[in-house]
Amino acid sequence: MSKIIYCVFLKKKSEGLDAPCYPGALGKYIYEHISKTAWMQWQNKQTILINENKLNMMNITDRMMLEKEMKTFLFGENFSIKSK
């Protein structure tokens, strides 16, 4: 059975991811707050960004830029993970 979460991107309850899809605390936060649908939308956007900007995922600067874009896309401009 799929888990249902409140997706902060879609702003409604939706099917959650099957497993964490990103490492670290950010990955845990994404797993708990982003739906499969929202993650698929990000993956499409990510592909466009990589291709249009000719990003090299072996380059740390390019990966950092893509992570910043992901946070903005999924959570908005002023996102930060709040400590519990």
PDB file of N, CA and C in Angstrom:
ATOM      1  N   MET A   1       0.839  -1.185   0.000  1.00  0.00           N
ATOM      2  CA  MET A   1       0.000   0.000   0.000  1.00  0.00           C
ATOM      3  C   MET A   1       0.885   1.250   0.000  1.00  0.00           C
ATOM      4  N   SER A   2       0.542   2.216  -0.779  1.00  0.00           N
ATOM      5  CA  SER A   2       1.297   3.456  -0.879  1.00  0.00           C
ATOM      6  C   SER A   2       1.041   4.340   0.328  1.00  0.00           C
ATOM      7  N   LYS A   3       2.078   5.060   0.716  1.00  0.00           N
ATOM      8  CA  LYS A   3       1.861   5.997   1.815  1.00  0.00           C
ATOM      9  C   LYS A   3       1.343   7.316   1.243  1.00  0.00           C
ATOM     10  N   ILE A   4       0.475   7.951   1.988  1.00  0.00           N
ATOM     11  CA  ILE A   4      -0.088   9.235   1.587  1.00  0.00           C
ATOM     12  C   ILE A   4       0.531  10.315   2.472  1.00  0.00           C
ATOM     13  N   ILE A   5       1.022  11.352   1.844  1.00  0.00           N
ATOM     14  CA  ILE A   5       1.632  12.468   2.562  1.00  0.00           C
ATOM     15  C   ILE A   5       0.946  13.763   2.138  1.00  0.00           C
ATOM     16  N   TYR A   6       1.198  14.820   2.896  1.00  0.00           N
ATOM     17  CA  TYR A   6       0.795  16.149   2.440  1.00  0.00           C
ATOM     18  C   TYR A   6       1.975  16.701   1.654  1.00  0.00           C
ATOM     19  N   CYS A   7       1.788  16.893   0.366  1.00  0.00           N
ATOM     20  CA  CYS A   7       2.851  17.389  -0.512  1.00  0.00           C
ATOM     21  C   CYS A   7       2.879  18.913  -0.445  1.00  0.00           C
ATOM     22  N   VAL A   8       4.019  19.456  -0.026  1.00  0.00           N
ATOM     23  CA  VAL A   8       4.127  20.911   0.089  1.00  0.00           C
ATOM     24  C   VAL A   8       4.226  21.583  -1.277  1.00  0.00           C
ATOM     25  N   PHE A   9       4.572  20.831  -2.308  1.00  0.00           N
ATOM     26  CA  PHE A   9       4.632  21.377  -3.664  1.00  0.00           C
ATOM     27  C   PHE A   9       3.231  21.480  -4.264  1.00  0.00           C
ATOM     28  N   LEU A  10       2.475  20.397  -4.174  1.00  0.00           N
ATOM     29  CA  LEU A  10       1.117  20.371  -4.727  1.00  0.00           C
ATOM     30  C   LEU A  10       0.091  20.996  -3.790  1.00  0.00           C
ATOM     31  N   LYS A  11       0.462  21.127  -2.514  1.00  0.00           N
ATOM     32  CA  LYS A  11      -0.420  21.674  -1.478  1.00  0.00           C
ATOM     33  C   LYS A  11      -1.688  20.832  -1.317  1.00  0.00           C
ATOM     34  N   LYS A  12      -1.481  19.511  -1.335  1.00  0.00           N
ATOM     35  CA  LYS A  12      -2.586  18.584  -1.098  1.00  0.00           C
ATOM     36  C   LYS A  12      -2.009  17.216  -0.757  1.00  0.00           C
ATOM     37  N   LYS A  13      -2.868  16.336  -0.238  1.00  0.00           N
ATOM     38  CA  LYS A  13      -2.445  14.972   0.057  1.00  0.00           C
ATOM     39  C   LYS A  13      -2.260  14.220  -1.250  1.00  0.00           C
ATOM     40  N   SER A  14      -1.184  13.452  -1.296  1.00  0.00           N
ATOM     41  CA  SER A  14      -0.856  12.726  -2.508  1.00  0.00           C
ATOM     42  C   SER A  14       0.030  11.531  -2.153  1.00  0.00           C
ATOM     43  N   GLU A  15       0.238  10.652  -3.104  1.00  0.00           N
ATOM     44  CA  GLU A  15       1.066   9.465  -2.893  1.00  0.00           C
ATOM     45  C   GLU A  15       2.522   9.863  -2.707  1.00  0.00           C
ATOM     46  N   GLY A  16       3.120   9.369  -1.624  1.00  0.00           N
ATOM     47  CA  GLY A  16       4.512   9.674  -1.321  1.00  0.00           C
ATOM     48  C   GLY A  16       5.479   8.824  -2.125  1.00  0.00           C
ATOM     49  N   LEU A  17       6.737   9.184  -2.056  1.00  0.00           N
ATOM     50  CA  LEU A  17       7.792   8.437  -2.727  1.00  0.00           C
ATOM     51  C   LEU A  17       7.962   7.071  -2.070  1.00  0.00           C
ATOM     52  N   ASP A  18       8.423   6.094  -2.828  1.00  0.00           N
ATOM     53  CA  ASP A  18       8.628   4.742  -2.313  1.00  0.00           C
ATOM     54  C   ASP A  18       9.867   4.656  -1.422  1.00  0.00           C
ATOM     55  N   ALA A  19      10.864   5.473  -1.714  1.00  0.00           N
ATOM     56  CA  ALA A  19      12.123   5.466  -0.969  1.00  0.00           C
ATOM     57  C   ALA A  19      12.764   6.851  -1.102  1.00  0.00           C
ATOM     58  N   PRO A  20      13.659   7.185  -0.180  1.00  0.00           N
ATOM     59  CA  PRO A  20      14.365   8.467  -0.329  1.00  0.00           C
ATOM     60  C   PRO A  20      15.101   8.507  -1.669  1.00  0.00           C
ATOM     61  N   CYS A  21      15.041   9.648  -2.321  1.00  0.00           N
ATOM     62  CA  CYS A  21      15.615   9.766  -3.667  1.00  0.00           C
ATOM     63  C   CYS A  21      16.778  10.762  -3.705  1.00  0.00           C
ATOM     64  N   TYR A  22      17.180  11.250  -2.531  1.00  0.00           N
ATOM     65  CA  TYR A  22      18.253  12.227  -2.448  1.00  0.00           C
ATOM     66  C   TYR A  22      18.961  11.985  -1.116  1.00  0.00           C
ATOM     67  N   PRO A  23      20.270  12.184  -1.044  1.00  0.00           N
ATOM     68  CA  PRO A  23      20.991  11.866   0.195  1.00  0.00           C
ATOM     69  C   PRO A  23      20.816  12.920   1.300  1.00  0.00           C
ATOM     70  N   GLY A  24      21.126  12.517   2.515  1.00  0.00           N
ATOM     71  CA  GLY A  24      21.220  13.436   3.641  1.00  0.00           C
ATOM     72  C   GLY A  24      19.895  13.928   4.181  1.00  0.00           C
ATOM     73  N   ALA A  25      19.991  15.003   4.975  1.00  0.00           N
ATOM     74  CA  ALA A  25      18.818  15.595   5.612  1.00  0.00           C
ATOM     75  C   ALA A  25      17.832  16.127   4.573  1.00  0.00           C
ATOM     76  N   LEU A  26      18.343  16.693   3.485  1.00  0.00           N
ATOM     77  CA  LEU A  26      17.466  17.188   2.430  1.00  0.00           C
ATOM     78  C   LEU A  26      16.686  16.028   1.813  1.00  0.00           C
ATOM     79  N   GLY A  27      17.339  14.909   1.599  1.00  0.00           N
ATOM     80  CA  GLY A  27      16.671  13.738   1.051  1.00  0.00           C
ATOM     81  C   GLY A  27      15.574  13.227   1.966  1.00  0.00           C
ATOM     82  N   LYS A  28      15.817  13.238   3.265  1.00  0.00           N
ATOM     83  CA  LYS A  28      14.805  12.820   4.235  1.00  0.00           C
ATOM     84  C   LYS A  28      13.612  13.769   4.190  1.00  0.00           C
ATOM     85  N   TYR A  29      13.894  15.063   4.109  1.00  0.00           N
ATOM     86  CA  TYR A  29      12.831  16.061   4.047  1.00  0.00           C
ATOM     87  C   TYR A  29      11.996  15.894   2.772  1.00  0.00           C
ATOM     88  N   ILE A  30      12.672  15.679   1.653  1.00  0.00           N
ATOM     89  CA  ILE A  30      11.968  15.452   0.376  1.00  0.00           C
ATOM     90  C   ILE A  30      11.091  14.208   0.492  1.00  0.00           C
ATOM     91  N   TYR A  31      11.632  13.145   1.046  1.00  0.00           N
ATOM     92  CA  TYR A  31      10.893  11.886   1.193  1.00  0.00           C
ATOM     93  C   TYR A  31       9.620  12.081   2.019  1.00  0.00           C
ATOM     94  N   GLU A  32       9.693  12.924   3.035  1.00  0.00           N
ATOM     95  CA  GLU A  32       8.560  13.127   3.937  1.00  0.00           C
ATOM     96  C   GLU A  32       7.561  14.174   3.442  1.00  0.00           C
ATOM     97  N   HIS A  33       7.968  15.059   2.501  1.00  0.00           N
ATOM     98  CA  HIS A  33       7.115  16.191   2.147  1.00  0.00           C
ATOM     99  C   HIS A  33       6.843  16.387   0.653  1.00  0.00           C
ATOM    100  N   ILE A  34       7.419  15.536  -0.194  1.00  0.00           N
ATOM    101  CA  ILE A  34       7.241  15.686  -1.646  1.00  0.00           C
ATOM    102  C   ILE A  34       6.631  14.405  -2.211  1.00  0.00           C
ATOM    103  N   SER A  35       5.594  14.544  -3.022  1.00  0.00           N
ATOM    104  CA  SER A  35       4.895  13.398  -3.607  1.00  0.00           C
ATOM    105  C   SER A  35       5.618  12.874  -4.848  1.00  0.00           C
ATOM    106  N   LYS A  36       5.195  11.696  -5.274  1.00  0.00           N
ATOM    107  CA  LYS A  36       5.732  11.117  -6.517  1.00  0.00           C
ATOM    108  C   LYS A  36       5.483  12.053  -7.698  1.00  0.00           C
ATOM    109  N   THR A  37       4.292  12.618  -7.759  1.00  0.00           N
ATOM    110  CA  THR A  37       3.932  13.514  -8.865  1.00  0.00           C
ATOM    111  C   THR A  37       4.847  14.728  -8.896  1.00  0.00           C
ATOM    112  N   ALA A  38       5.060  15.337  -7.736  1.00  0.00           N
ATOM    113  CA  ALA A  38       5.924  16.518  -7.658  1.00  0.00           C
ATOM    114  C   ALA A  38       7.361  16.149  -8.024  1.00  0.00           C
ATOM    115  N   TRP A  39       7.829  14.990  -7.559  1.00  0.00           N
ATOM    116  CA  TRP A  39       9.199  14.575  -7.859  1.00  0.00           C
ATOM    117  C   TRP A  39       9.365  14.329  -9.359  1.00  0.00           C
ATOM    118  N   MET A  40       8.360  13.745 -10.005  1.00  0.00           N
ATOM    119  CA  MET A  40       8.427  13.540 -11.454  1.00  0.00           C
ATOM    120  C   MET A  40       8.482  14.887 -12.183  1.00  0.00           C
ATOM    121  N   GLN A  41       7.733  15.869 -11.708  1.00  0.00           N
ATOM    122  CA  GLN A  41       7.779  17.205 -12.320  1.00  0.00           C
ATOM    123  C   GLN A  41       9.174  17.802 -12.169  1.00  0.00           C
ATOM    124  N   TRP A  42       9.788  17.603 -10.989  1.00  0.00           N
ATOM    125  CA  TRP A  42      11.150  18.103 -10.795  1.00  0.00           C
ATOM    126  C   TRP A  42      12.122  17.381 -11.733  1.00  0.00           C
ATOM    127  N   GLN A  43      11.989  16.072 -11.885  1.00  0.00           N
ATOM    128  CA  GLN A  43      12.900  15.338 -12.760  1.00  0.00           C
ATOM    129  C   GLN A  43      12.823  15.841 -14.198  1.00  0.00           C
ATOM    130  N   ASN A  44      11.637  16.169 -14.669  1.00  0.00           N
ATOM    131  CA  ASN A  44      11.492  16.745 -16.008  1.00  0.00           C
ATOM    132  C   ASN A  44      12.197  18.093 -16.091  1.00  0.00           C
ATOM    133  N   LYS A  45      11.988  18.944 -15.080  1.00  0.00           N
ATOM    134  CA  LYS A  45      12.636  20.265 -15.041  1.00  0.00           C
ATOM    135  C   LYS A  45      14.153  20.109 -14.952  1.00  0.00           C
ATOM    136  N   GLN A  46      14.597  19.160 -14.146  1.00  0.00           N
ATOM    137  CA  GLN A  46      16.029  18.912 -13.982  1.00  0.00           C
ATOM    138  C   GLN A  46      16.675  18.531 -15.317  1.00  0.00           C
ATOM    139  N   THR A  47      16.023  17.676 -16.071  1.00  0.00           N
ATOM    140  CA  THR A  47      16.545  17.265 -17.378  1.00  0.00           C
ATOM    141  C   THR A  47      16.696  18.473 -18.297  1.00  0.00           C
ATOM    142  N   ILE A  48      15.705  19.332 -18.293  1.00  0.00           N
ATOM    143  CA  ILE A  48      15.757  20.547 -19.112  1.00  0.00           C
ATOM    144  C   ILE A  48      16.933  21.422 -18.683  1.00  0.00           C
ATOM    145  N   LEU A  49      17.090  21.628 -17.374  1.00  0.00           N
ATOM    146  CA  LEU A  49      18.187  22.468 -16.864  1.00  0.00           C
ATOM    147  C   LEU A  49      19.554  21.889 -17.228  1.00  0.00           C
ATOM    148  N   ILE A  50      19.707  20.581 -17.074  1.00  0.00           N
ATOM    149  CA  ILE A  50      20.989  19.939 -17.404  1.00  0.00           C
ATOM    150  C   ILE A  50      21.302  20.120 -18.887  1.00  0.00           C
ATOM    151  N   ASN A  51      20.320  19.898 -19.737  1.00  0.00           N
ATOM    152  CA  ASN A  51      20.550  19.999 -21.175  1.00  0.00           C
ATOM    153  C   ASN A  51      20.766  21.438 -21.639  1.00  0.00           C
ATOM    154  N   GLU A  52      19.905  22.352 -21.188  1.00  0.00           N
ATOM    155  CA  GLU A  52      20.014  23.737 -21.648  1.00  0.00           C
ATOM    156  C   GLU A  52      21.299  24.409 -21.176  1.00  0.00           C
ATOM    157  N   ASN A  53      21.737  24.072 -19.951  1.00  0.00           N
ATOM    158  CA  ASN A  53      22.926  24.702 -19.384  1.00  0.00           C
ATOM    159  C   ASN A  53      24.183  23.858 -19.560  1.00  0.00           C
ATOM    160  N   LYS A  54      24.030  22.715 -20.243  1.00  0.00           N
ATOM    161  CA  LYS A  54      25.146  21.800 -20.488  1.00  0.00           C
ATOM    162  C   LYS A  54      25.897  21.481 -19.187  1.00  0.00           C
ATOM    163  N   LEU A  55      25.108  21.124 -18.161  1.00  0.00           N
ATOM    164  CA  LEU A  55      25.692  20.845 -16.858  1.00  0.00           C
ATOM    165  C   LEU A  55      26.403  19.496 -16.866  1.00  0.00           C
ATOM    166  N   ASN A  56      27.492  19.424 -16.123  1.00  0.00           N
ATOM    167  CA  ASN A  56      28.266  18.207 -15.963  1.00  0.00           C
ATOM    168  C   ASN A  56      28.072  17.737 -14.527  1.00  0.00           C
ATOM    169  N   MET A  57      27.417  16.607 -14.332  1.00  0.00           N
ATOM    170  CA  MET A  57      27.115  16.145 -12.984  1.00  0.00           C
ATOM    171  C   MET A  57      28.335  15.624 -12.234  1.00  0.00           C
ATOM    172  N   MET A  58      29.481  15.592 -12.893  1.00  0.00           N
ATOM    173  CA  MET A  58      30.740  15.274 -12.214  1.00  0.00           C
ATOM    174  C   MET A  58      31.359  16.535 -11.607  1.00  0.00           C
ATOM    175  N   ASN A  59      30.846  17.692 -11.991  1.00  0.00           N
ATOM    176  CA  ASN A  59      31.353  18.984 -11.519  1.00  0.00           C
ATOM    177  C   ASN A  59      30.559  19.423 -10.283  1.00  0.00           C
ATOM    178  N   ILE A  60      31.235  19.635  -9.159  1.00  0.00           N
ATOM    179  CA  ILE A  60      30.569  19.995  -7.907  1.00  0.00           C
ATOM    180  C   ILE A  60      29.800  21.308  -8.034  1.00  0.00           C
ATOM    181  N   THR A  61      30.316  22.258  -8.778  1.00  0.00           N
ATOM    182  CA  THR A  61      29.640  23.545  -8.954  1.00  0.00           C
ATOM    183  C   THR A  61      28.309  23.361  -9.674  1.00  0.00           C
ATOM    184  N   ASP A  62      28.308  22.540 -10.707  1.00  0.00           N
ATOM    185  CA  ASP A  62      27.073  22.259 -11.442  1.00  0.00           C
ATOM    186  C   ASP A  62      26.061  21.533 -10.557  1.00  0.00           C
ATOM    187  N   ARG A  63      26.540  20.572  -9.743  1.00  0.00           N
ATOM    188  CA  ARG A  63      25.636  19.850  -8.844  1.00  0.00           C
ATOM    189  C   ARG A  63      25.047  20.782  -7.789  1.00  0.00           C
ATOM    190  N   MET A  64      25.858  21.694  -7.273  1.00  0.00           N
ATOM    191  CA  MET A  64      25.364  22.656  -6.279  1.00  0.00           C
ATOM    192  C   MET A  64      24.315  23.574  -6.895  1.00  0.00           C
ATOM    193  N   MET A  65      24.540  24.006  -8.126  1.00  0.00           N
ATOM    194  CA  MET A  65      23.578  24.867  -8.821  1.00  0.00           C
ATOM    195  C   MET A  65      22.266  24.130  -9.036  1.00  0.00           C
ATOM    196  N   LEU A  66      22.354  22.856  -9.417  1.00  0.00           N
ATOM    197  CA  LEU A  66      21.158  22.065  -9.651  1.00  0.00           C
ATOM    198  C   LEU A  66      20.393  21.827  -8.339  1.00  0.00           C
ATOM    199  N   GLU A  67      21.124  21.610  -7.235  1.00  0.00           N
ATOM    200  CA  GLU A  67      20.462  21.437  -5.940  1.00  0.00           C
ATOM    201  C   GLU A  67      19.733  22.722  -5.524  1.00  0.00           C
ATOM    202  N   LYS A  68      20.352  23.860  -5.765  1.00  0.00           N
ATOM    203  CA  LYS A  68      19.713  25.147  -5.454  1.00  0.00           C
ATOM    204  C   LYS A  68      18.432  25.309  -6.272  1.00  0.00           C
ATOM    205  N   GLU A  69      18.490  24.970  -7.560  1.00  0.00           N
ATOM    206  CA  GLU A  69      17.315  25.037  -8.423  1.00  0.00           C
ATOM    207  C   GLU A  69      16.219  24.084  -7.943  1.00  0.00           C
ATOM    208  N   MET A  70      16.627  22.893  -7.476  1.00  0.00           N
ATOM    209  CA  MET A  70      15.666  21.919  -6.979  1.00  0.00           C
ATOM    210  C   MET A  70      14.941  22.460  -5.745  1.00  0.00           C
ATOM    211  N   LYS A  71      15.687  23.021  -4.803  1.00  0.00           N
ATOM    212  CA  LYS A  71      15.077  23.583  -3.591  1.00  0.00           C
ATOM    213  C   LYS A  71      14.098  24.691  -3.952  1.00  0.00           C
ATOM    214  N   THR A  72      14.478  25.562  -4.860  1.00  0.00           N
ATOM    215  CA  THR A  72      13.601  26.652  -5.269  1.00  0.00           C
ATOM    216  C   THR A  72      12.358  26.111  -5.962  1.00  0.00           C
ATOM    217  N   PHE A  73      12.529  25.147  -6.845  1.00  0.00           N
ATOM    218  CA  PHE A  73      11.400  24.561  -7.581  1.00  0.00           C
ATOM    219  C   PHE A  73      10.419  23.878  -6.638  1.00  0.00           C
ATOM    220  N   LEU A  74      10.924  23.051  -5.736  1.00  0.00           N
ATOM    221  CA  LEU A  74      10.054  22.255  -4.875  1.00  0.00           C
ATOM    222  C   LEU A  74       9.493  23.019  -3.680  1.00  0.00           C
ATOM    223  N   PHE A  75      10.294  23.932  -3.107  1.00  0.00           N
ATOM    224  CA  PHE A  75       9.927  24.528  -1.826  1.00  0.00           C
ATOM    225  C   PHE A  75       9.804  26.046  -1.830  1.00  0.00           C
ATOM    226  N   GLY A  76      10.266  26.697  -2.875  1.00  0.00           N
ATOM    227  CA  GLY A  76      10.194  28.154  -2.915  1.00  0.00           C
ATOM    228  C   GLY A  76      11.542  28.802  -2.643  1.00  0.00           C
ATOM    229  N   GLU A  77      11.573  30.086  -2.787  1.00  0.00           N
ATOM    230  CA  GLU A  77      12.787  30.887  -2.760  1.00  0.00           C
ATOM    231  C   GLU A  77      13.543  30.826  -1.426  1.00  0.00           C
ATOM    232  N   ASN A  78      12.865  30.936  -0.310  1.00  0.00           N
ATOM    233  CA  ASN A  78      13.537  31.066   0.998  1.00  0.00           C
ATOM    234  C   ASN A  78      13.532  29.773   1.797  1.00  0.00           C
ATOM    235  N   PHE A  79      13.706  28.638   1.153  1.00  0.00           N
ATOM    236  CA  PHE A  79      13.621  27.348   1.824  1.00  0.00           C
ATOM    237  C   PHE A  79      14.843  27.073   2.691  1.00  0.00           C
ATOM    238  N   SER A  80      14.593  26.550   3.872  1.00  0.00           N
ATOM    239  CA  SER A  80      15.637  25.955   4.701  1.00  0.00           C
ATOM    240  C   SER A  80      14.982  24.885   5.562  1.00  0.00           C
ATOM    241  N   ILE A  81      15.712  23.823   5.824  1.00  0.00           N
ATOM    242  CA  ILE A  81      15.174  22.745   6.641  1.00  0.00           C
ATOM    243  C   ILE A  81      15.183  23.203   8.080  1.00  0.00           C
ATOM    244  N   LYS A  82      14.019  23.141   8.712  1.00  0.00           N
ATOM    245  CA  LYS A  82      13.897  23.569  10.090  1.00  0.00           C
ATOM    246  C   LYS A  82      14.259  22.436  11.030  1.00  0.00           C
ATOM    247  N   SER A  83      15.036  22.735  12.038  1.00  0.00           N
ATOM    248  CA  SER A  83      15.395  21.730  13.043  1.00  0.00           C
ATOM    249  C   SER A  83      14.191  21.407  13.905  1.00  0.00           C
ATOM    250  N   LYS A  84      14.091  20.150  14.311  1.00  0.00           N
ATOM    251  CA  LYS A  84      12.970  19.717  15.143  1.00  0.00           C
ATOM    252  C   LYS A  84      13.363  19.691  16.591  1.00  0.00           C
TER     253      LYS A  84
END
